[in-house]
PDB file of N, CA and C in Angstrom:
ATOM      1  N   MET A   1    -129.898 231.103 215.401  1.00  0.00           N
ATOM      2  CA  MET A   1    -129.118 231.898 214.474  1.00  0.00           C
ATOM      3  C   MET A   1    -129.660 233.323 214.479  1.00  0.00           C
ATOM      4  N   ALA A   2    -128.762 234.289 214.551  1.00  0.00           N
ATOM      5  CA  ALA A   2    -129.147 235.694 214.648  1.00  0.00           C
ATOM      6  C   ALA A   2    -129.562 236.258 213.295  1.00  0.00           C
ATOM      7  N   SER A   3    -130.574 237.113 213.331  1.00  0.00           N
ATOM      8  CA  SER A   3    -130.980 237.851 212.135  1.00  0.00           C
ATOM      9  C   SER A   3    -130.330 239.230 212.212  1.00  0.00           C
ATOM     10  N   THR A   4    -129.556 239.562 211.194  1.00  0.00           N
ATOM     11  CA  THR A   4    -128.763 240.785 211.177  1.00  0.00           C
ATOM     12  C   THR A   4    -129.126 241.617 209.955  1.00  0.00           C
ATOM     13  N   THR A   5    -129.177 242.920 210.128  1.00  0.00           N
ATOM     14  CA  THR A   5    -129.406 243.829 209.015  1.00  0.00           C
ATOM     15  C   THR A   5    -128.061 244.251 208.445  1.00  0.00           C
ATOM     16  N   VAL A   6    -127.904 244.112 207.138  1.00  0.00           N
ATOM     17  CA  VAL A   6    -126.686 244.554 206.458  1.00  0.00           C
ATOM     18  C   VAL A   6    -127.039 245.745 205.584  1.00  0.00           C
ATOM     19  N   ARG A   7    -126.296 246.822 205.759  1.00  0.00           N
ATOM     20  CA  ARG A   7    -126.484 248.028 204.947  1.00  0.00           C
ATOM     21  C   ARG A   7    -125.332 248.134 203.958  1.00  0.00           C
ATOM     22  N   LEU A   8    -125.675 248.505 202.740  1.00  0.00           N
ATOM     23  CA  LEU A   8    -124.675 248.655 201.688  1.00  0.00           C
ATOM     24  C   LEU A   8    -124.776 250.043 201.066  1.00  0.00           C
ATOM     25  N   PRO A   9    -123.644 250.632 200.695  1.00  0.00           N
ATOM     26  CA  PRO A   9    -123.666 251.949 200.057  1.00  0.00           C
ATOM     27  C   PRO A   9    -124.164 251.857 198.619  1.00  0.00           C
ATOM     28  N   GLY A  10    -124.453 252.992 198.039  1.00  0.00           N
ATOM     29  CA  GLY A  10    -125.010 253.054 196.690  1.00  0.00           C
ATOM     30  C   GLY A  10    -124.234 252.285 195.644  1.00  0.00           C
ATOM     31  N   VAL A  11    -122.918 252.289 195.727  1.00  0.00           N
ATOM     32  CA  VAL A  11    -122.100 251.621 194.719  1.00  0.00           C
ATOM     33  C   VAL A  11    -122.312 250.103 194.705  1.00  0.00           C
ATOM     34  N   LEU A  12    -122.717 249.520 195.827  1.00  0.00           N
ATOM     35  CA  LEU A  12    -122.945 248.070 195.903  1.00  0.00           C
ATOM     36  C   LEU A  12    -124.419 247.683 195.784  1.00  0.00           C
ATOM     37  N   ARG A  13    -125.307 248.631 195.862  1.00  0.00           N
ATOM     38  CA  ARG A  13    -126.745 248.320 195.850  1.00  0.00           C
ATOM     39  C   ARG A  13    -127.256 247.648 194.588  1.00  0.00           C
ATOM     40  N   PRO A  14    -126.719 247.934 193.410  1.00  0.00           N
ATOM     41  CA  PRO A  14    -127.210 247.211 192.232  1.00  0.00           C
ATOM     42  C   PRO A  14    -127.065 245.691 192.372  1.00  0.00           C
ATOM     43  N   ALA A  15    -126.073 245.246 193.122  1.00  0.00           N
ATOM     44  CA  ALA A  15    -125.854 243.808 193.307  1.00  0.00           C
ATOM     45  C   ALA A  15    -126.894 243.169 194.222  1.00  0.00           C
ATOM     46  N   ILE A  16    -127.654 244.004 194.958  1.00  0.00           N
ATOM     47  CA  ILE A  16    -128.690 243.462 195.844  1.00  0.00           C
ATOM     48  C   ILE A  16    -130.071 243.973 195.450  1.00  0.00           C
ATOM     49  N   GLY A  17    -130.228 244.291 194.190  1.00  0.00           N
ATOM     50  CA  GLY A  17    -131.532 244.709 193.689  1.00  0.00           C
ATOM     51  C   GLY A  17    -131.870 246.157 193.941  1.00  0.00           C
ATOM     52  N   GLY A  18    -130.871 246.971 194.282  1.00  0.00           N
ATOM     53  CA  GLY A  18    -131.091 248.394 194.459  1.00  0.00           C
ATOM     54  C   GLY A  18    -131.577 248.813 195.833  1.00  0.00           C
ATOM     55  N   VAL A  19    -131.783 247.864 196.741  1.00  0.00           N
ATOM     56  CA  VAL A  19    -132.249 248.216 198.081  1.00  0.00           C
ATOM     57  C   VAL A  19    -131.074 248.655 198.949  1.00  0.00           C
ATOM     58  N   ARG A  20    -131.388 249.356 200.016  1.00  0.00           N
ATOM     59  CA  ARG A  20    -130.343 249.876 200.902  1.00  0.00           C
ATOM     60  C   ARG A  20    -129.863 248.837 201.905  1.00  0.00           C
ATOM     61  N   GLU A  21    -130.741 247.954 202.329  1.00  0.00           N
ATOM     62  CA  GLU A  21    -130.368 246.976 203.351  1.00  0.00           C
ATOM     63  C   GLU A  21    -131.076 245.658 203.115  1.00  0.00           C
ATOM     64  N   VAL A  22    -130.461 244.597 203.627  1.00  0.00           N
ATOM     65  CA  VAL A  22    -131.031 243.255 203.541  1.00  0.00           C
ATOM     66  C   VAL A  22    -130.858 242.569 204.888  1.00  0.00           C
ATOM     67  N   SER A  23    -131.656 241.558 205.119  1.00  0.00           N
ATOM     68  CA  SER A  23    -131.560 240.763 206.336  1.00  0.00           C
ATOM     69  C   SER A  23    -130.814 239.475 206.025  1.00  0.00           C
ATOM     70  N   VAL A  24    -129.865 239.130 206.887  1.00  0.00           N
ATOM     71  CA  VAL A  24    -129.082 237.907 206.712  1.00  0.00           C
ATOM     72  C   VAL A  24    -129.068 237.137 208.018  1.00  0.00           C
ATOM     73  N   ASN A  25    -128.639 235.877 207.935  1.00  0.00           N
ATOM     74  CA  ASN A  25    -128.520 235.032 209.116  1.00  0.00           C
ATOM     75  C   ASN A  25    -127.074 234.630 209.318  1.00  0.00           C
ATOM     76  N   GLY A  26    -126.719 234.385 210.560  1.00  0.00           N
ATOM     77  CA  GLY A  26    -125.381 233.919 210.889  1.00  0.00           C
ATOM     78  C   GLY A  26    -125.105 234.151 212.360  1.00  0.00           C
ATOM     79  N   THR A  27    -124.241 233.331 212.927  1.00  0.00           N
ATOM     80  CA  THR A  27    -123.892 233.492 214.335  1.00  0.00           C
ATOM     81  C   THR A  27    -122.650 234.350 214.516  1.00  0.00           C
ATOM     82  N   THR A  28    -121.894 234.577 213.424  1.00  0.00           N
ATOM     83  CA  THR A  28    -120.711 235.437 213.452  1.00  0.00           C
ATOM     84  C   THR A  28    -120.785 236.419 212.285  1.00  0.00           C
ATOM     85  N   VAL A  29    -119.935 237.424 212.330  1.00  0.00           N
ATOM     86  CA  VAL A  29    -119.881 238.396 211.240  1.00  0.00           C
ATOM     87  C   VAL A  29    -119.556 237.686 209.934  1.00  0.00           C
ATOM     88  N   ARG A  30    -118.581 236.777 209.956  1.00  0.00           N
ATOM     89  CA  ARG A  30    -118.213 236.049 208.735  1.00  0.00           C
ATOM     90  C   ARG A  30    -119.409 235.279 208.181  1.00  0.00           C
ATOM     91  N   GLU A  31    -120.135 234.557 209.035  1.00  0.00           N
ATOM     92  CA  GLU A  31    -121.298 233.793 208.566  1.00  0.00           C
ATOM     93  C   GLU A  31    -122.355 234.714 207.965  1.00  0.00           C
ATOM     94  N   ALA A  32    -122.548 235.876 208.568  1.00  0.00           N
ATOM     95  CA  ALA A  32    -123.543 236.821 208.047  1.00  0.00           C
ATOM     96  C   ALA A  32    -123.144 237.328 206.663  1.00  0.00           C
ATOM     97  N   VAL A  33    -121.868 237.653 206.479  1.00  0.00           N
ATOM     98  CA  VAL A  33    -121.406 238.140 205.175  1.00  0.00           C
ATOM     99  C   VAL A  33    -121.455 237.010 204.149  1.00  0.00           C
ATOM    100  N   GLU A  34    -121.131 235.791 204.566  1.00  0.00           N
ATOM    101  CA  GLU A  34    -121.240 234.650 203.651  1.00  0.00           C
ATOM    102  C   GLU A  34    -122.691 234.421 203.235  1.00  0.00           C
ATOM    103  N   ASP A  35    -123.643 234.587 204.177  1.00  0.00           N
ATOM    104  CA  ASP A  35    -125.056 234.449 203.835  1.00  0.00           C
ATOM    105  C   ASP A  35    -125.478 235.554 202.863  1.00  0.00           C
ATOM    106  N   LEU A  36    -124.982 236.759 203.072  1.00  0.00           N
ATOM    107  CA  LEU A  36    -125.251 237.859 202.145  1.00  0.00           C
ATOM    108  C   LEU A  36    -124.809 237.483 200.733  1.00  0.00           C
ATOM    109  N   CYS A  37    -123.628 236.897 200.612  1.00  0.00           N
ATOM    110  CA  CYS A  37    -123.103 236.513 199.295  1.00  0.00           C
ATOM    111  C   CYS A  37    -123.854 235.319 198.709  1.00  0.00           C
ATOM    112  N   ARG A  38    -124.380 234.444 199.558  1.00  0.00           N
ATOM    113  CA  ARG A  38    -125.223 233.344 199.053  1.00  0.00           C
ATOM    114  C   ARG A  38    -126.518 233.901 198.465  1.00  0.00           C
ATOM    115  N   GLN A  39    -127.081 234.878 199.141  1.00  0.00           N
ATOM    116  CA  GLN A  39    -128.321 235.495 198.664  1.00  0.00           C
ATOM    117  C   GLN A  39    -128.097 236.341 197.412  1.00  0.00           C
ATOM    118  N   HIS A  40    -126.914 236.941 197.314  1.00  0.00           N
ATOM    119  CA  HIS A  40    -126.597 237.867 196.220  1.00  0.00           C
ATOM    120  C   HIS A  40    -125.199 237.533 195.695  1.00  0.00           C
ATOM    121  N   PRO A  41    -125.076 236.464 194.900  1.00  0.00           N
ATOM    122  CA  PRO A  41    -123.763 235.959 194.468  1.00  0.00           C
ATOM    123  C   PRO A  41    -122.881 236.973 193.742  1.00  0.00           C
ATOM    124  N   THR A  42    -123.465 237.960 193.084  1.00  0.00           N
ATOM    125  CA  THR A  42    -122.619 238.931 192.382  1.00  0.00           C
ATOM    126  C   THR A  42    -121.788 239.781 193.342  1.00  0.00           C
ATOM    127  N   LEU A  43    -122.154 239.803 194.611  1.00  0.00           N
ATOM    128  CA  LEU A  43    -121.361 240.534 195.602  1.00  0.00           C
ATOM    129  C   LEU A  43    -120.046 239.831 195.920  1.00  0.00           C
ATOM    130  N   THR A  44    -120.001 238.522 195.746  1.00  0.00           N
ATOM    131  CA  THR A  44    -118.827 237.749 196.153  1.00  0.00           C
ATOM    132  C   THR A  44    -117.544 238.304 195.553  1.00  0.00           C
ATOM    133  N   VAL A  45    -117.515 238.537 194.257  1.00  0.00           N
ATOM    134  CA  VAL A  45    -116.290 239.032 193.619  1.00  0.00           C
ATOM    135  C   VAL A  45    -115.987 240.477 194.001  1.00  0.00           C
ATOM    136  N   ARG A  46    -116.994 241.212 194.426  1.00  0.00           N
ATOM    137  CA  ARG A  46    -116.773 242.599 194.860  1.00  0.00           C
ATOM    138  C   ARG A  46    -116.196 242.660 196.273  1.00  0.00           C
ATOM    139  N   LEU A  47    -116.526 241.644 197.093  1.00  0.00           N
ATOM    140  CA  LEU A  47    -116.107 241.672 198.495  1.00  0.00           C
ATOM    141  C   LEU A  47    -114.904 240.788 198.803  1.00  0.00           C
ATOM    142  N   PHE A  48    -114.784 239.646 198.099  1.00  0.00           N
ATOM    143  CA  PHE A  48    -113.736 238.676 198.420  1.00  0.00           C
ATOM    144  C   PHE A  48    -112.766 238.500 197.270  1.00  0.00           C
ATOM    145  N   ASP A  49    -111.488 238.209 197.611  1.00  0.00           N
ATOM    146  CA  ASP A  49    -110.511 237.904 196.567  1.00  0.00           C
ATOM    147  C   ASP A  49    -110.614 236.428 196.202  1.00  0.00           C
ATOM    148  N   GLU A  50    -109.779 235.982 195.271  1.00  0.00           N
ATOM    149  CA  GLU A  50    -109.848 234.600 194.784  1.00  0.00           C
ATOM    150  C   GLU A  50    -109.478 233.566 195.849  1.00  0.00           C
ATOM    151  N   ASP A  51    -108.831 234.004 196.952  1.00  0.00           N
ATOM    152  CA  ASP A  51    -108.490 233.097 198.050  1.00  0.00           C
ATOM    153  C   ASP A  51    -109.553 233.081 199.144  1.00  0.00           C
ATOM    154  N   GLY A  52    -110.632 233.830 198.950  1.00  0.00           N
ATOM    155  CA  GLY A  52    -111.711 233.855 199.931  1.00  0.00           C
ATOM    156  C   GLY A  52    -111.514 234.849 201.060  1.00  0.00           C
ATOM    157  N   HIS A  53    -110.525 235.731 200.936  1.00  0.00           N
ATOM    158  CA  HIS A  53    -110.282 236.757 201.948  1.00  0.00           C
ATOM    159  C   HIS A  53    -111.013 238.042 201.564  1.00  0.00           C
ATOM    160  N   LEU A  54    -111.500 238.734 202.576  1.00  0.00           N
ATOM    161  CA  LEU A  54    -112.138 240.024 202.330  1.00  0.00           C
ATOM    162  C   LEU A  54    -111.118 240.950 201.664  1.00  0.00           C
ATOM    163  N   ARG A  55    -111.514 241.584 200.596  1.00  0.00           N
ATOM    164  CA  ARG A  55    -110.598 242.479 199.875  1.00  0.00           C
ATOM    165  C   ARG A  55    -110.107 243.601 200.796  1.00  0.00           C
ATOM    166  N   ARG A  56    -108.874 244.047 200.563  1.00  0.00           N
ATOM    167  CA  ARG A  56    -108.245 245.070 201.410  1.00  0.00           C
ATOM    168  C   ARG A  56    -109.063 246.351 201.493  1.00  0.00           C
ATOM    169  N   HIS A  57    -109.725 246.696 200.420  1.00  0.00           N
ATOM    170  CA  HIS A  57    -110.440 247.971 200.378  1.00  0.00           C
ATOM    171  C   HIS A  57    -111.863 247.897 200.933  1.00  0.00           C
ATOM    172  N   VAL A  58    -112.263 246.751 201.463  1.00  0.00           N
ATOM    173  CA  VAL A  58    -113.621 246.600 201.992  1.00  0.00           C
ATOM    174  C   VAL A  58    -113.585 246.684 203.516  1.00  0.00           C
ATOM    175  N   LEU A  59    -114.414 247.549 204.058  1.00  0.00           N
ATOM    176  CA  LEU A  59    -114.500 247.764 205.492  1.00  0.00           C
ATOM    177  C   LEU A  59    -115.801 247.160 206.007  1.00  0.00           C
ATOM    178  N   CYS A  60    -115.720 246.454 207.112  1.00  0.00           N
ATOM    179  CA  CYS A  60    -116.892 245.845 207.739  1.00  0.00           C
ATOM    180  C   CYS A  60    -117.111 246.530 209.091  1.00  0.00           C
ATOM    181  N   VAL A  61    -118.318 247.050 209.300  1.00  0.00           N
ATOM    182  CA  VAL A  61    -118.643 247.767 210.530  1.00  0.00           C
ATOM    183  C   VAL A  61    -119.793 247.046 211.231  1.00  0.00           C
ATOM    184  N   HIS A  62    -119.578 246.691 212.496  1.00  0.00           N
ATOM    185  CA  HIS A  62    -120.583 245.987 213.295  1.00  0.00           C
ATOM    186  C   HIS A  62    -121.074 246.920 214.392  1.00  0.00           C
ATOM    187  N   ASN A  63    -122.350 247.255 214.353  1.00  0.00           N
ATOM    188  CA  ASN A  63    -122.952 248.152 215.349  1.00  0.00           C
ATOM    189  C   ASN A  63    -122.111 249.408 215.570  1.00  0.00           C
ATOM    190  N   GLY A  64    -121.567 249.963 214.492  1.00  0.00           N
ATOM    191  CA  GLY A  64    -120.822 251.212 214.565  1.00  0.00           C
ATOM    192  C   GLY A  64    -119.328 251.088 214.795  1.00  0.00           C
ATOM    193  N   ALA A  65    -118.828 249.875 215.017  1.00  0.00           N
ATOM    194  CA  ALA A  65    -117.398 249.673 215.261  1.00  0.00           C
ATOM    195  C   ALA A  65    -116.786 248.816 214.159  1.00  0.00           C
ATOM    196  N   THR A  66    -115.634 249.234 213.667  1.00  0.00           N
ATOM    197  CA  THR A  66    -114.940 248.471 212.634  1.00  0.00           C
ATOM    198  C   THR A  66    -114.564 247.098 213.178  1.00  0.00           C
ATOM    199  N   THR A  67    -114.751 246.074 212.353  1.00  0.00           N
ATOM    200  CA  THR A  67    -114.420 244.712 212.765  1.00  0.00           C
ATOM    201  C   THR A  67    -113.791 243.972 211.599  1.00  0.00           C
ATOM    202  N   ARG A  68    -113.249 242.809 211.892  1.00  0.00           N
ATOM    203  CA  ARG A  68    -112.664 241.948 210.869  1.00  0.00           C
ATOM    204  C   ARG A  68    -113.496 240.679 210.776  1.00  0.00           C
ATOM    205  N   LEU A  69    -113.537 240.093 209.604  1.00  0.00           N
ATOM    206  CA  LEU A  69    -114.308 238.861 209.423  1.00  0.00           C
ATOM    207  C   LEU A  69    -113.738 237.707 210.219  1.00  0.00           C
ATOM    208  N   ASP A  70    -112.431 237.686 210.423  1.00  0.00           N
ATOM    209  CA  ASP A  70    -111.819 236.552 211.112  1.00  0.00           C
ATOM    210  C   ASP A  70    -111.822 236.686 212.630  1.00  0.00           C
ATOM    211  N   ASP A  71    -112.455 237.731 213.168  1.00  0.00           N
ATOM    212  CA  ASP A  71    -112.528 237.903 214.617  1.00  0.00           C
ATOM    213  C   ASP A  71    -113.503 236.931 215.280  1.00  0.00           C
ATOM    214  N   GLU A  72    -114.355 236.270 214.485  1.00  0.00           N
ATOM    215  CA  GLU A  72    -115.383 235.363 215.005  1.00  0.00           C
ATOM    216  C   GLU A  72    -116.283 236.060 216.032  1.00  0.00           C
ATOM    217  N   LEU A  73    -116.512 237.328 215.815  1.00  0.00           N
ATOM    218  CA  LEU A  73    -117.390 238.109 216.669  1.00  0.00           C
ATOM    219  C   LEU A  73    -118.808 237.557 216.590  1.00  0.00           C
ATOM    220  N   ALA A  74    -119.388 237.226 217.738  1.00  0.00           N
ATOM    221  CA  ALA A  74    -120.741 236.669 217.782  1.00  0.00           C
ATOM    222  C   ALA A  74    -121.771 237.765 217.520  1.00  0.00           C
ATOM    223  N   LEU A  75    -122.823 237.401 216.802  1.00  0.00           N
ATOM    224  CA  LEU A  75    -123.907 238.326 216.500  1.00  0.00           C
ATOM    225  C   LEU A  75    -125.132 238.009 217.343  1.00  0.00           C
ATOM    226  N   ALA A  76    -125.918 239.045 217.627  1.00  0.00           N
ATOM    227  CA  ALA A  76    -127.187 238.890 218.328  1.00  0.00           C
ATOM    228  C   ALA A  76    -128.294 239.390 217.406  1.00  0.00           C
ATOM    229  N   ASP A  77    -129.513 238.897 217.634  1.00  0.00           N
ATOM    230  CA  ASP A  77    -130.648 239.380 216.846  1.00  0.00           C
ATOM    231  C   ASP A  77    -130.704 240.901 216.889  1.00  0.00           C
ATOM    232  N   GLY A  78    -130.915 241.491 215.727  1.00  0.00           N
ATOM    233  CA  GLY A  78    -131.044 242.936 215.640  1.00  0.00           C
ATOM    234  C   GLY A  78    -129.745 243.686 215.420  1.00  0.00           C
ATOM    235  N   ASP A  79    -128.607 242.979 215.420  1.00  0.00           N
ATOM    236  CA  ASP A  79    -127.333 243.644 215.147  1.00  0.00           C
ATOM    237  C   ASP A  79    -127.344 244.214 213.736  1.00  0.00           C
ATOM    238  N   GLU A  80    -126.472 245.190 213.509  1.00  0.00           N
ATOM    239  CA  GLU A  80    -126.356 245.811 212.195  1.00  0.00           C
ATOM    240  C   GLU A  80    -124.923 245.731 211.697  1.00  0.00           C
ATOM    241  N   LEU A  81    -124.787 245.415 210.420  1.00  0.00           N
ATOM    242  CA  LEU A  81    -123.497 245.430 209.745  1.00  0.00           C
ATOM    243  C   LEU A  81    -123.581 246.417 208.601  1.00  0.00           C
ATOM    244  N   ALA A  82    -122.474 247.078 208.345  1.00  0.00           N
ATOM    245  CA  ALA A  82    -122.347 247.910 207.150  1.00  0.00           C
ATOM    246  C   ALA A  82    -121.121 247.419 206.405  1.00  0.00           C
ATOM    247  N   ILE A  83    -121.257 247.241 205.109  1.00  0.00           N
ATOM    248  CA  ILE A  83    -120.150 246.828 204.254  1.00  0.00           C
ATOM    249  C   ILE A  83    -119.804 248.036 203.391  1.00  0.00           C
ATOM    250  N   LEU A  84    -118.588 248.537 203.554  1.00  0.00           N
ATOM    251  CA  LEU A  84    -118.200 249.774 202.892  1.00  0.00           C
ATOM    252  C   LEU A  84    -116.917 249.600 202.096  1.00  0.00           C
ATOM    253  N   PRO A  85    -116.945 249.886 200.801  1.00  0.00           N
ATOM    254  CA  PRO A  85    -115.692 249.898 200.047  1.00  0.00           C
ATOM    255  C   PRO A  85    -114.955 251.194 200.369  1.00  0.00           C
ATOM    256  N   ALA A  86    -113.681 251.082 200.719  1.00  0.00           N
ATOM    257  CA  ALA A  86    -112.889 252.262 201.060  1.00  0.00           C
ATOM    258  C   ALA A  86    -112.646 253.105 199.815  1.00  0.00           C
ATOM    259  N   VAL A  87    -112.542 254.389 200.034  1.00  0.00           N
ATOM    260  CA  VAL A  87    -112.241 255.316 198.955  1.00  0.00           C
ATOM    261  C   VAL A  87    -110.779 255.716 199.099  1.00  0.00           C
ATOM    262  N   SER A  88    -110.027 255.572 198.021  1.00  0.00           N
ATOM    263  CA  SER A  88    -108.618 255.959 198.066  1.00  0.00           C
ATOM    264  C   SER A  88    -108.227 256.563 196.733  1.00  0.00           C
ATOM    265  N   GLY A  89    -107.119 257.159 196.728  1.00  0.00           N
ATOM    266  CA  GLY A  89    -106.633 257.757 195.491  1.00  0.00           C
ATOM    267  C   GLY A  89    -105.387 258.573 195.762  1.00  0.00           C
ATOM    268  N   GLY A  90    -104.887 259.149 194.735  1.00  0.00           N
ATOM    269  CA  GLY A  90    -103.664 259.901 194.967  1.00  0.00           C
ATOM    270  C   GLY A  90    -103.416 260.918 193.915  1.00  0.00           C
TER     271      GLY A  90
END
């Protein structure tokens, strides 16, 4: 199982104890994000809707490229994920 670093922006850091990044395990992006939510359950409602889908306004970036949780993209040791809530308004 790959060890992946997940980085979160300031708005989500209180849910992970105020740190900038955490280490998670998983063989896919989805598994890594699920492990993140297991470690920090308060993130679940911020990232996922009631049907278990990643919220529309949440962006997942794998090694600098935007990805989707359902792509089943395989992770390797040392990969990096960033979870970013999109900013919108009008």
